[in-house]
């Protein structure tokens, strides 16, 4: 099954749970794409001791997950977060790419 998860929150618990679900879905041999949109592009910056998002991101990347960050959303944060794009370590996408992920997905989830 193809699953697209759109994360548009920068709440640590929400982002952590979204990646936990993404990792669980990968464990069941699904193809999972995560698109970080709006505040979601800040996902790598909101990791805490309680909600270790970086650990979940590493698992996601190492098990074949596909992560895309919104290029426009990163660009709009460039002044406050100049290294955000490099920190995400993922492809920068567009609304057209997000549309394609949604059109091809069997399931779409938002967080």
PDB file of N, CA and C in Angstrom:
ATOM      1  N   UNK A   1       0.840  -1.168   0.000  1.00  0.00           N
ATOM      2  CA  UNK A   1       0.000   0.000   0.000  1.00  0.00           C
ATOM      3  C   UNK A   1       0.894   1.243   0.000  1.00  0.00           C
ATOM      4  N   UNK A   2       0.448   2.277  -0.683  1.00  0.00           N
ATOM      5  CA  UNK A   2       1.162   3.557  -0.691  1.00  0.00           C
ATOM      6  C   UNK A   2       0.486   4.503   0.291  1.00  0.00           C
ATOM      7  N   UNK A   3       1.271   4.975   1.249  1.00  0.00           N
ATOM      8  CA  UNK A   3       0.760   5.868   2.295  1.00  0.00           C
ATOM      9  C   UNK A   3       1.488   7.194   2.196  1.00  0.00           C
ATOM     10  N   UNK A   4       0.733   8.276   2.183  1.00  0.00           N
ATOM     11  CA  UNK A   4       1.306   9.614   2.240  1.00  0.00           C
ATOM     12  C   UNK A   4       0.893  10.246   3.554  1.00  0.00           C
ATOM     13  N   UNK A   5       1.884  10.722   4.296  1.00  0.00           N
ATOM     14  CA  UNK A   5       1.641  11.397   5.570  1.00  0.00           C
ATOM     15  C   UNK A   5       2.087  12.842   5.416  1.00  0.00           C
ATOM     16  N   UNK A   6       1.172  13.767   5.679  1.00  0.00           N
ATOM     17  CA  UNK A   6       1.490  15.189   5.628  1.00  0.00           C
ATOM     18  C   UNK A   6       1.587  15.682   7.068  1.00  0.00           C
ATOM     19  N   UNK A   7       2.756  16.195   7.416  1.00  0.00           N
ATOM     20  CA  UNK A   7       2.969  16.744   8.755  1.00  0.00           C
ATOM     21  C   UNK A   7       3.027  18.256   8.622  1.00  0.00           C
ATOM     22  N   UNK A   8       2.085  18.938   9.264  1.00  0.00           N
ATOM     23  CA  UNK A   8       2.071  20.398   9.210  1.00  0.00           C
ATOM     24  C   UNK A   8       2.109  21.014  10.599  1.00  0.00           C
ATOM     25  N   UNK A   9       2.468  20.209  11.581  1.00  0.00           N
ATOM     26  CA  UNK A   9       2.571  20.666  12.967  1.00  0.00           C
ATOM     27  C   UNK A   9       4.037  20.711  13.388  1.00  0.00           C
ATOM     28  N   UNK A  10       4.341  21.573  14.327  1.00  0.00           N
ATOM     29  CA  UNK A  10       5.675  21.563  14.937  1.00  0.00           C
ATOM     30  C   UNK A  10       5.579  21.209  16.420  1.00  0.00           C
ATOM     31  N   UNK A  11       4.466  20.606  16.808  1.00  0.00           N
ATOM     32  CA  UNK A  11       4.295  20.112  18.175  1.00  0.00           C
ATOM     33  C   UNK A  11       5.105  18.822  18.315  1.00  0.00           C
ATOM     34  N   UNK A  12       6.045  18.759  19.252  1.00  0.00           N
ATOM     35  CA  UNK A  12       6.927  17.586  19.355  1.00  0.00           C
ATOM     36  C   UNK A  12       6.188  16.250  19.450  1.00  0.00           C
ATOM     37  N   UNK A  13       5.177  16.166  20.285  1.00  0.00           N
ATOM     38  CA  UNK A  13       4.473  14.888  20.442  1.00  0.00           C
ATOM     39  C   UNK A  13       3.762  14.484  19.150  1.00  0.00           C
ATOM     40  N   UNK A  14       3.171  15.439  18.474  1.00  0.00           N
ATOM     41  CA  UNK A  14       2.466  15.164  17.222  1.00  0.00           C
ATOM     42  C   UNK A  14       3.428  14.669  16.150  1.00  0.00           C
ATOM     43  N   UNK A  15       4.551  15.356  15.982  1.00  0.00           N
ATOM     44  CA  UNK A  15       5.546  14.966  14.975  1.00  0.00           C
ATOM     45  C   UNK A  15       6.121  13.595  15.309  1.00  0.00           C
ATOM     46  N   UNK A  16       6.426  13.367  16.568  1.00  0.00           N
ATOM     47  CA  UNK A  16       6.972  12.077  17.025  1.00  0.00           C
ATOM     48  C   UNK A  16       6.005  10.939  16.702  1.00  0.00           C
ATOM     49  N   UNK A  17       4.725  11.140  17.015  1.00  0.00           N
ATOM     50  CA  UNK A  17       3.725  10.103  16.733  1.00  0.00           C
ATOM     51  C   UNK A  17       3.539   9.884  15.239  1.00  0.00           C
ATOM     52  N   UNK A  18       3.613  10.935  14.447  1.00  0.00           N
ATOM     53  CA  UNK A  18       3.493  10.791  12.997  1.00  0.00           C
ATOM     54  C   UNK A  18       4.616   9.911  12.452  1.00  0.00           C
ATOM     55  N   UNK A  19       5.838  10.143  12.913  1.00  0.00           N
ATOM     56  CA  UNK A  19       6.960   9.322  12.450  1.00  0.00           C
ATOM     57  C   UNK A  19       6.913   7.912  13.033  1.00  0.00           C
ATOM     58  N   UNK A  20       6.386   7.755  14.221  1.00  0.00           N
ATOM     59  CA  UNK A  20       6.219   6.395  14.769  1.00  0.00           C
ATOM     60  C   UNK A  20       5.257   5.597  13.890  1.00  0.00           C
ATOM     61  N   UNK A  21       4.162   6.246  13.474  1.00  0.00           N
ATOM     62  CA  UNK A  21       3.214   5.572  12.586  1.00  0.00           C
ATOM     63  C   UNK A  21       3.857   5.288  11.233  1.00  0.00           C
ATOM     64  N   UNK A  22       4.608   6.238  10.716  1.00  0.00           N
ATOM     65  CA  UNK A  22       5.298   6.028   9.441  1.00  0.00           C
ATOM     66  C   UNK A  22       6.239   4.821   9.540  1.00  0.00           C
ATOM     67  N   UNK A  23       6.983   4.725  10.636  1.00  0.00           N
ATOM     68  CA  UNK A  23       7.911   3.610  10.819  1.00  0.00           C
ATOM     69  C   UNK A  23       7.179   2.284  10.978  1.00  0.00           C
ATOM     70  N   UNK A  24       6.075   2.296  11.679  1.00  0.00           N
ATOM     71  CA  UNK A  24       5.275   1.077  11.818  1.00  0.00           C
ATOM     72  C   UNK A  24       4.738   0.644  10.461  1.00  0.00           C
ATOM     73  N   UNK A  25       4.303   1.604   9.667  1.00  0.00           N
ATOM     74  CA  UNK A  25       3.786   1.298   8.327  1.00  0.00           C
ATOM     75  C   UNK A  25       4.871   0.700   7.439  1.00  0.00           C
ATOM     76  N   UNK A  26       6.091   1.220   7.542  1.00  0.00           N
ATOM     77  CA  UNK A  26       7.205   0.651   6.784  1.00  0.00           C
ATOM     78  C   UNK A  26       7.485  -0.784   7.218  1.00  0.00           C
ATOM     79  N   UNK A  27       7.341  -1.057   8.498  1.00  0.00           N
ATOM     80  CA  UNK A  27       7.589  -2.408   9.019  1.00  0.00           C
ATOM     81  C   UNK A  27       6.610  -3.425   8.431  1.00  0.00           C
ATOM     82  N   UNK A  28       5.461  -2.956   7.975  1.00  0.00           N
ATOM     83  CA  UNK A  28       4.468  -3.833   7.345  1.00  0.00           C
ATOM     84  C   UNK A  28       4.556  -3.773   5.822  1.00  0.00           C
ATOM     85  N   UNK A  29       5.731  -3.424   5.313  1.00  0.00           N
ATOM     86  CA  UNK A  29       6.037  -3.437   3.877  1.00  0.00           C
ATOM     87  C   UNK A  29       5.192  -2.481   3.041  1.00  0.00           C
ATOM     88  N   UNK A  30       4.834  -1.349   3.612  1.00  0.00           N
ATOM     89  CA  UNK A  30       4.149  -0.314   2.846  1.00  0.00           C
ATOM     90  C   UNK A  30       5.177   0.667   2.300  1.00  0.00           C
ATOM     91  N   UNK A  31       4.818   1.371   1.260  1.00  0.00           N
ATOM     92  CA  UNK A  31       5.646   2.462   0.738  1.00  0.00           C
ATOM     93  C   UNK A  31       5.131   3.729   1.410  1.00  0.00           C
ATOM     94  N   UNK A  32       5.990   4.416   2.154  1.00  0.00           N
ATOM     95  CA  UNK A  32       5.553   5.568   2.940  1.00  0.00           C
ATOM     96  C   UNK A  32       6.327   6.814   2.531  1.00  0.00           C
ATOM     97  N   UNK A  33       5.570   7.868   2.228  1.00  0.00           N
ATOM     98  CA  UNK A  33       6.149   9.181   1.957  1.00  0.00           C
ATOM     99  C   UNK A  33       5.637  10.149   3.001  1.00  0.00           C
ATOM    100  N   UNK A  34       6.552  10.951   3.539  1.00  0.00           N
ATOM    101  CA  UNK A  34       6.187  12.008   4.489  1.00  0.00           C
ATOM    102  C   UNK A  34       6.501  13.338   3.823  1.00  0.00           C
ATOM    103  N   UNK A  35       5.495  14.203   3.777  1.00  0.00           N
ATOM    104  CA  UNK A  35       5.678  15.548   3.236  1.00  0.00           C
ATOM    105  C   UNK A  35       5.550  16.528   4.392  1.00  0.00           C
ATOM    106  N   UNK A  36       6.614  17.303   4.623  1.00  0.00           N
ATOM    107  CA  UNK A  36       6.624  18.300   5.693  1.00  0.00           C
ATOM    108  C   UNK A  36       6.152  19.625   5.112  1.00  0.00           C
ATOM    109  N   UNK A  37       5.061  20.142   5.665  1.00  0.00           N
ATOM    110  CA  UNK A  37       4.412  21.332   5.126  1.00  0.00           C
ATOM    111  C   UNK A  37       4.221  22.361   6.232  1.00  0.00           C
ATOM    112  N   UNK A  38       4.359  23.630   5.919  1.00  0.00           N
ATOM    113  CA  UNK A  38       4.158  24.683   6.909  1.00  0.00           C
ATOM    114  C   UNK A  38       5.092  24.495   8.090  1.00  0.00           C
ATOM    115  N   UNK A  39       4.530  24.551   9.301  1.00  0.00           N
ATOM    116  CA  UNK A  39       5.339  24.379  10.512  1.00  0.00           C
ATOM    117  C   UNK A  39       6.001  23.003  10.583  1.00  0.00           C
ATOM    118  N   UNK A  40       5.510  22.064   9.804  1.00  0.00           N
ATOM    119  CA  UNK A  40       6.082  20.724   9.784  1.00  0.00           C
ATOM    120  C   UNK A  40       7.535  20.682   9.349  1.00  0.00           C
ATOM    121  N   UNK A  41       7.974  21.674   8.560  1.00  0.00           N
ATOM    122  CA  UNK A  41       9.381  21.678   8.140  1.00  0.00           C
ATOM    123  C   UNK A  41      10.318  21.906   9.322  1.00  0.00           C
ATOM    124  N   UNK A  42       9.767  22.325  10.454  1.00  0.00           N
ATOM    125  CA  UNK A  42      10.563  22.542  11.661  1.00  0.00           C
ATOM    126  C   UNK A  42      10.741  21.256  12.473  1.00  0.00           C
ATOM    127  N   UNK A  43      10.324  20.129  11.931  1.00  0.00           N
ATOM    128  CA  UNK A  43      10.307  18.854  12.649  1.00  0.00           C
ATOM    129  C   UNK A  43      11.638  18.511  13.308  1.00  0.00           C
ATOM    130  N   UNK A  44      12.737  18.761  12.626  1.00  0.00           N
ATOM    131  CA  UNK A  44      14.038  18.388  13.187  1.00  0.00           C
ATOM    132  C   UNK A  44      14.454  19.289  14.337  1.00  0.00           C
ATOM    133  N   UNK A  45      13.822  20.427  14.453  1.00  0.00           N
ATOM    134  CA  UNK A  45      14.203  21.388  15.488  1.00  0.00           C
ATOM    135  C   UNK A  45      13.437  21.206  16.787  1.00  0.00           C
ATOM    136  N   UNK A  46      12.391  20.395  16.788  1.00  0.00           N
ATOM    137  CA  UNK A  46      11.521  20.310  17.964  1.00  0.00           C
ATOM    138  C   UNK A  46      11.706  19.019  18.763  1.00  0.00           C
ATOM    139  N   UNK A  47      12.727  18.246  18.433  1.00  0.00           N
ATOM    140  CA  UNK A  47      13.009  17.011  19.166  1.00  0.00           C
ATOM    141  C   UNK A  47      13.308  17.330  20.630  1.00  0.00           C
ATOM    142  N   UNK A  48      12.794  16.510  21.530  1.00  0.00           N
ATOM    143  CA  UNK A  48      13.022  16.680  22.962  1.00  0.00           C
ATOM    144  C   UNK A  48      13.492  15.352  23.549  1.00  0.00           C
ATOM    145  N   UNK A  49      13.871  15.368  24.814  1.00  0.00           N
ATOM    146  CA  UNK A  49      14.245  14.108  25.467  1.00  0.00           C
ATOM    147  C   UNK A  49      13.058  13.152  25.512  1.00  0.00           C
ATOM    148  N   UNK A  50      11.883  13.686  25.774  1.00  0.00           N
ATOM    149  CA  UNK A  50      10.689  12.845  25.853  1.00  0.00           C
ATOM    150  C   UNK A  50      10.228  12.372  24.479  1.00  0.00           C
ATOM    151  N   UNK A  51      10.333  13.251  23.479  1.00  0.00           N
ATOM    152  CA  UNK A  51       9.892  12.930  22.119  1.00  0.00           C
ATOM    153  C   UNK A  51      11.094  13.035  21.186  1.00  0.00           C
ATOM    154  N   UNK A  52      11.826  11.937  21.081  1.00  0.00           N
ATOM    155  CA  UNK A  52      13.066  11.909  20.306  1.00  0.00           C
ATOM    156  C   UNK A  52      12.740  11.758  18.816  1.00  0.00           C
ATOM    157  N   UNK A  53      12.440  12.876  18.204  1.00  0.00           N
ATOM    158  CA  UNK A  53      12.068  12.892  16.793  1.00  0.00           C
ATOM    159  C   UNK A  53      13.249  12.488  15.928  1.00  0.00           C
ATOM    160  N   UNK A  54      14.443  12.918  16.284  1.00  0.00           N
ATOM    161  CA  UNK A  54      15.623  12.567  15.486  1.00  0.00           C
ATOM    162  C   UNK A  54      15.787  11.058  15.391  1.00  0.00           C
ATOM    163  N   UNK A  55      15.561  10.352  16.485  1.00  0.00           N
ATOM    164  CA  UNK A  55      15.643   8.888  16.460  1.00  0.00           C
ATOM    165  C   UNK A  55      14.629   8.312  15.478  1.00  0.00           C
ATOM    166  N   UNK A  56      13.397   8.811  15.519  1.00  0.00           N
ATOM    167  CA  UNK A  56      12.359   8.318  14.612  1.00  0.00           C
ATOM    168  C   UNK A  56      12.686   8.661  13.157  1.00  0.00           C
ATOM    169  N   UNK A  57      13.241   9.858  12.933  1.00  0.00           N
ATOM    170  CA  UNK A  57      13.654  10.250  11.578  1.00  0.00           C
ATOM    171  C   UNK A  57      14.744   9.321  11.050  1.00  0.00           C
ATOM    172  N   UNK A  58      15.708   8.993  11.887  1.00  0.00           N
ATOM    173  CA  UNK A  58      16.790   8.102  11.481  1.00  0.00           C
ATOM    174  C   UNK A  58      16.248   6.725  11.107  1.00  0.00           C
ATOM    175  N   UNK A  59      15.340   6.212  11.915  1.00  0.00           N
ATOM    176  CA  UNK A  59      14.714   4.919  11.606  1.00  0.00           C
ATOM    177  C   UNK A  59      13.983   5.003  10.272  1.00  0.00           C
ATOM    178  N   UNK A  60      13.223   6.082  10.087  1.00  0.00           N
ATOM    179  CA  UNK A  60      12.453   6.280   8.854  1.00  0.00           C
ATOM    180  C   UNK A  60      13.368   6.287   7.635  1.00  0.00           C
ATOM    181  N   UNK A  61      14.433   7.033   7.705  1.00  0.00           N
ATOM    182  CA  UNK A  61      15.372   7.120   6.580  1.00  0.00           C
ATOM    183  C   UNK A  61      16.055   5.775   6.324  1.00  0.00           C
ATOM    184  N   UNK A  62      16.446   5.086   7.398  1.00  0.00           N
ATOM    185  CA  UNK A  62      17.201   3.840   7.259  1.00  0.00           C
ATOM    186  C   UNK A  62      16.351   2.652   6.830  1.00  0.00           C
ATOM    187  N   UNK A  63      15.040   2.784   6.888  1.00  0.00           N
ATOM    188  CA  UNK A  63      14.175   1.672   6.493  1.00  0.00           C
ATOM    189  C   UNK A  63      13.414   1.955   5.202  1.00  0.00           C
ATOM    190  N   UNK A  64      13.868   2.958   4.462  1.00  0.00           N
ATOM    191  CA  UNK A  64      13.316   3.177   3.129  1.00  0.00           C
ATOM    192  C   UNK A  64      12.209   4.203   3.013  1.00  0.00           C
ATOM    193  N   UNK A  65      11.987   4.980   4.053  1.00  0.00           N
ATOM    194  CA  UNK A  65      10.966   6.024   3.972  1.00  0.00           C
ATOM    195  C   UNK A  65      11.399   7.153   3.052  1.00  0.00           C
ATOM    196  N   UNK A  66      10.428   7.813   2.466  1.00  0.00           N
ATOM    197  CA  UNK A  66      10.669   8.922   1.547  1.00  0.00           C
ATOM    198  C   UNK A  66      10.178  10.207   2.210  1.00  0.00           C
ATOM    199  N   UNK A  67      11.096  11.121   2.524  1.00  0.00           N
ATOM    200  CA  UNK A  67      10.724  12.374   3.179  1.00  0.00           C
ATOM    201  C   UNK A  67      10.993  13.543   2.245  1.00  0.00           C
ATOM    202  N   UNK A  68      10.019  14.429   2.162  1.00  0.00           N
ATOM    203  CA  UNK A  68      10.119  15.619   1.328  1.00  0.00           C
ATOM    204  C   UNK A  68       9.723  16.826   2.156  1.00  0.00           C
ATOM    205  N   UNK A  69      10.491  17.889   2.046  1.00  0.00           N
ATOM    206  CA  UNK A  69      10.159  19.140   2.719  1.00  0.00           C
ATOM    207  C   UNK A  69       9.633  20.143   1.707  1.00  0.00           C
ATOM    208  N   UNK A  70       8.713  20.967   2.111  1.00  0.00           N
ATOM    209  CA  UNK A  70       8.185  22.011   1.232  1.00  0.00           C
ATOM    210  C   UNK A  70       9.252  23.092   1.055  1.00  0.00           C
ATOM    211  N   UNK A  71       9.690  23.277  -0.180  1.00  0.00           N
ATOM    212  CA  UNK A  71      10.723  24.260  -0.467  1.00  0.00           C
ATOM    213  C   UNK A  71      10.303  25.680  -0.132  1.00  0.00           C
ATOM    214  N   UNK A  72       9.069  26.031  -0.441  1.00  0.00           N
ATOM    215  CA  UNK A  72       8.579  27.383  -0.155  1.00  0.00           C
ATOM    216  C   UNK A  72       8.496  27.611   1.353  1.00  0.00           C
ATOM    217  N   UNK A  73       8.067  26.601   2.092  1.00  0.00           N
ATOM    218  CA  UNK A  73       7.958  26.728   3.553  1.00  0.00           C
ATOM    219  C   UNK A  73       9.343  26.902   4.182  1.00  0.00           C
ATOM    220  N   UNK A  74      10.335  26.190   3.675  1.00  0.00           N
ATOM    221  CA  UNK A  74      11.710  26.356   4.171  1.00  0.00           C
ATOM    222  C   UNK A  74      12.232  27.736   3.810  1.00  0.00           C
ATOM    223  N   UNK A  75      11.982  28.145   2.594  1.00  0.00           N
ATOM    224  CA  UNK A  75      12.449  29.462   2.134  1.00  0.00           C
ATOM    225  C   UNK A  75      11.870  30.583   2.989  1.00  0.00           C
ATOM    226  N   UNK A  76      10.616  30.465   3.381  1.00  0.00           N
ATOM    227  CA  UNK A  76       9.980  31.519   4.174  1.00  0.00           C
ATOM    228  C   UNK A  76      10.549  31.602   5.590  1.00  0.00           C
ATOM    229  N   UNK A  77      11.308  30.585   6.006  1.00  0.00           N
ATOM    230  CA  UNK A  77      11.923  30.560   7.333  1.00  0.00           C
ATOM    231  C   UNK A  77      13.431  30.823   7.281  1.00  0.00           C
ATOM    232  N   UNK A  78      13.943  31.125   6.113  1.00  0.00           N
ATOM    233  CA  UNK A  78      15.389  31.260   5.913  1.00  0.00           C
ATOM    234  C   UNK A  78      16.034  32.283   6.849  1.00  0.00           C
ATOM    235  N   UNK A  79      15.389  33.413   7.097  1.00  0.00           N
ATOM    236  CA  UNK A  79      15.978  34.438   7.964  1.00  0.00           C
ATOM    237  C   UNK A  79      16.118  33.949   9.402  1.00  0.00           C
ATOM    238  N   UNK A  80      15.084  33.265   9.917  1.00  0.00           N
ATOM    239  CA  UNK A  80      15.111  32.786  11.304  1.00  0.00           C
ATOM    240  C   UNK A  80      15.860  31.465  11.449  1.00  0.00           C
ATOM    241  N   UNK A  81      15.846  30.635  10.406  1.00  0.00           N
ATOM    242  CA  UNK A  81      16.439  29.300  10.460  1.00  0.00           C
ATOM    243  C   UNK A  81      17.270  29.060   9.198  1.00  0.00           C
ATOM    244  N   UNK A  82      18.430  29.695   9.094  1.00  0.00           N
ATOM    245  CA  UNK A  82      19.199  29.639   7.841  1.00  0.00           C
ATOM    246  C   UNK A  82      19.695  28.252   7.445  1.00  0.00           C
ATOM    247  N   UNK A  83      19.810  27.326   8.369  1.00  0.00           N
ATOM    248  CA  UNK A  83      20.320  25.992   8.036  1.00  0.00           C
ATOM    249  C   UNK A  83      19.216  24.932   8.002  1.00  0.00           C
ATOM    250  N   UNK A  84      17.981  25.363   7.956  1.00  0.00           N
ATOM    251  CA  UNK A  84      16.855  24.425   8.011  1.00  0.00           C
ATOM    252  C   UNK A  84      16.894  23.417   6.870  1.00  0.00           C
ATOM    253  N   UNK A  85      17.064  23.868   5.644  1.00  0.00           N
ATOM    254  CA  UNK A  85      17.064  22.948   4.503  1.00  0.00           C
ATOM    255  C   UNK A  85      18.156  21.903   4.620  1.00  0.00           C
ATOM    256  N   UNK A  86      19.363  22.333   5.008  1.00  0.00           N
ATOM    257  CA  UNK A  86      20.464  21.376   5.150  1.00  0.00           C
ATOM    258  C   UNK A  86      20.190  20.396   6.293  1.00  0.00           C
ATOM    259  N   UNK A  87      19.582  20.879   7.364  1.00  0.00           N
ATOM    260  CA  UNK A  87      19.275  20.028   8.510  1.00  0.00           C
ATOM    261  C   UNK A  87      18.243  18.964   8.210  1.00  0.00           C
ATOM    262  N   UNK A  88      17.309  19.267   7.327  1.00  0.00           N
ATOM    263  CA  UNK A  88      16.271  18.288   6.982  1.00  0.00           C
ATOM    264  C   UNK A  88      16.844  17.089   6.229  1.00  0.00           C
ATOM    265  N   UNK A  89      17.902  17.318   5.462  1.00  0.00           N
ATOM    266  CA  UNK A  89      18.545  16.235   4.698  1.00  0.00           C
ATOM    267  C   UNK A  89      17.538  15.455   3.860  1.00  0.00           C
ATOM    268  N   UNK A  90      16.715  16.205   3.124  1.00  0.00           N
ATOM    269  CA  UNK A  90      15.739  15.548   2.273  1.00  0.00           C
ATOM    270  C   UNK A  90      15.498  16.393   1.034  1.00  0.00           C
ATOM    271  N   UNK A  91      14.789  15.797   0.117  1.00  0.00           N
ATOM    272  CA  UNK A  91      14.400  16.499  -1.102  1.00  0.00           C
ATOM    273  C   UNK A  91      13.479  17.665  -0.756  1.00  0.00           C
ATOM    274  N   UNK A  92      13.629  18.760  -1.473  1.00  0.00           N
ATOM    275  CA  UNK A  92      12.704  19.879  -1.327  1.00  0.00           C
ATOM    276  C   UNK A  92      11.654  19.745  -2.420  1.00  0.00           C
ATOM    277  N   UNK A  93      10.400  19.838  -2.016  1.00  0.00           N
ATOM    278  CA  UNK A  93       9.314  19.619  -2.953  1.00  0.00           C
ATOM    279  C   UNK A  93       8.440  20.840  -3.139  1.00  0.00           C
ATOM    280  N   UNK A  94       7.380  20.634  -3.880  1.00  0.00           N
ATOM    281  CA  UNK A  94       6.453  21.696  -4.243  1.00  0.00           C
ATOM    282  C   UNK A  94       5.023  21.187  -4.085  1.00  0.00           C
ATOM    283  N   UNK A  95       4.066  22.067  -4.311  1.00  0.00           N
ATOM    284  CA  UNK A  95       2.665  21.660  -4.271  1.00  0.00           C
ATOM    285  C   UNK A  95       2.377  20.630  -5.363  1.00  0.00           C
ATOM    286  N   UNK A  96       3.054  20.749  -6.494  1.00  0.00           N
ATOM    287  CA  UNK A  96       2.859  19.777  -7.563  1.00  0.00           C
ATOM    288  C   UNK A  96       3.322  18.384  -7.128  1.00  0.00           C
ATOM    289  N   UNK A  97       4.451  18.330  -6.429  1.00  0.00           N
ATOM    290  CA  UNK A  97       4.940  17.050  -5.924  1.00  0.00           C
ATOM    291  C   UNK A  97       3.995  16.488  -4.873  1.00  0.00           C
ATOM    292  N   UNK A  98       3.526  17.344  -3.968  1.00  0.00           N
ATOM    293  CA  UNK A  98       2.557  16.902  -2.962  1.00  0.00           C
ATOM    294  C   UNK A  98       1.289  16.386  -3.637  1.00  0.00           C
ATOM    295  N   UNK A  99       0.825  17.089  -4.649  1.00  0.00           N
ATOM    296  CA  UNK A  99      -0.355  16.635  -5.390  1.00  0.00           C
ATOM    297  C   UNK A  99      -0.120  15.232  -5.959  1.00  0.00           C
ATOM    298  N   UNK A 100       1.056  15.014  -6.535  1.00  0.00           N
ATOM    299  CA  UNK A 100       1.368  13.708  -7.093  1.00  0.00           C
ATOM    300  C   UNK A 100       1.373  12.610  -6.044  1.00  0.00           C
ATOM    301  N   UNK A 101       1.931  12.907  -4.866  1.00  0.00           N
ATOM    302  CA  UNK A 101       1.930  11.921  -3.774  1.00  0.00           C
ATOM    303  C   UNK A 101       0.502  11.589  -3.350  1.00  0.00           C
ATOM    304  N   UNK A 102      -0.326  12.612  -3.266  1.00  0.00           N
ATOM    305  CA  UNK A 102      -1.720  12.411  -2.861  1.00  0.00           C
ATOM    306  C   UNK A 102      -2.489  11.629  -3.922  1.00  0.00           C
ATOM    307  N   UNK A 103      -2.279  11.980  -5.184  1.00  0.00           N
ATOM    308  CA  UNK A 103      -2.982  11.303  -6.273  1.00  0.00           C
ATOM    309  C   UNK A 103      -2.631   9.818  -6.350  1.00  0.00           C
ATOM    310  N   UNK A 104      -1.375   9.478  -6.026  1.00  0.00           N
ATOM    311  CA  UNK A 104      -0.922   8.088  -6.099  1.00  0.00           C
ATOM    312  C   UNK A 104      -1.174   7.275  -4.833  1.00  0.00           C
ATOM    313  N   UNK A 105      -1.496   7.955  -3.745  1.00  0.00           N
ATOM    314  CA  UNK A 105      -1.593   7.273  -2.444  1.00  0.00           C
ATOM    315  C   UNK A 105      -2.885   6.456  -2.323  1.00  0.00           C
ATOM    316  N   UNK A 106      -2.741   5.343  -1.602  1.00  0.00           N
ATOM    317  CA  UNK A 106      -3.923   4.571  -1.215  1.00  0.00           C
ATOM    318  C   UNK A 106      -4.541   5.150   0.053  1.00  0.00           C
ATOM    319  N   UNK A 107      -3.689   5.690   0.916  1.00  0.00           N
ATOM    320  CA  UNK A 107      -4.117   6.309   2.179  1.00  0.00           C
ATOM    321  C   UNK A 107      -3.366   7.608   2.371  1.00  0.00           C
ATOM    322  N   UNK A 108      -4.065   8.624   2.879  1.00  0.00           N
ATOM    323  CA  UNK A 108      -3.464   9.933   3.165  1.00  0.00           C
ATOM    324  C   UNK A 108      -3.800  10.275   4.599  1.00  0.00           C
ATOM    325  N   UNK A 109      -2.766  10.622   5.362  1.00  0.00           N
ATOM    326  CA  UNK A 109      -2.946  10.993   6.771  1.00  0.00           C
ATOM    327  C   UNK A 109      -2.333  12.359   6.996  1.00  0.00           C
ATOM    328  N   UNK A 110      -2.928  13.143   7.865  1.00  0.00           N
ATOM    329  CA  UNK A 110      -2.369  14.457   8.196  1.00  0.00           C
ATOM    330  C   UNK A 110      -2.176  14.581   9.691  1.00  0.00           C
ATOM    331  N   UNK A 111      -1.099  15.236  10.046  1.00  0.00           N
ATOM    332  CA  UNK A 111      -0.774  15.479  11.458  1.00  0.00           C
ATOM    333  C   UNK A 111      -0.430  16.938  11.637  1.00  0.00           C
TER     334      UNK A 111
END
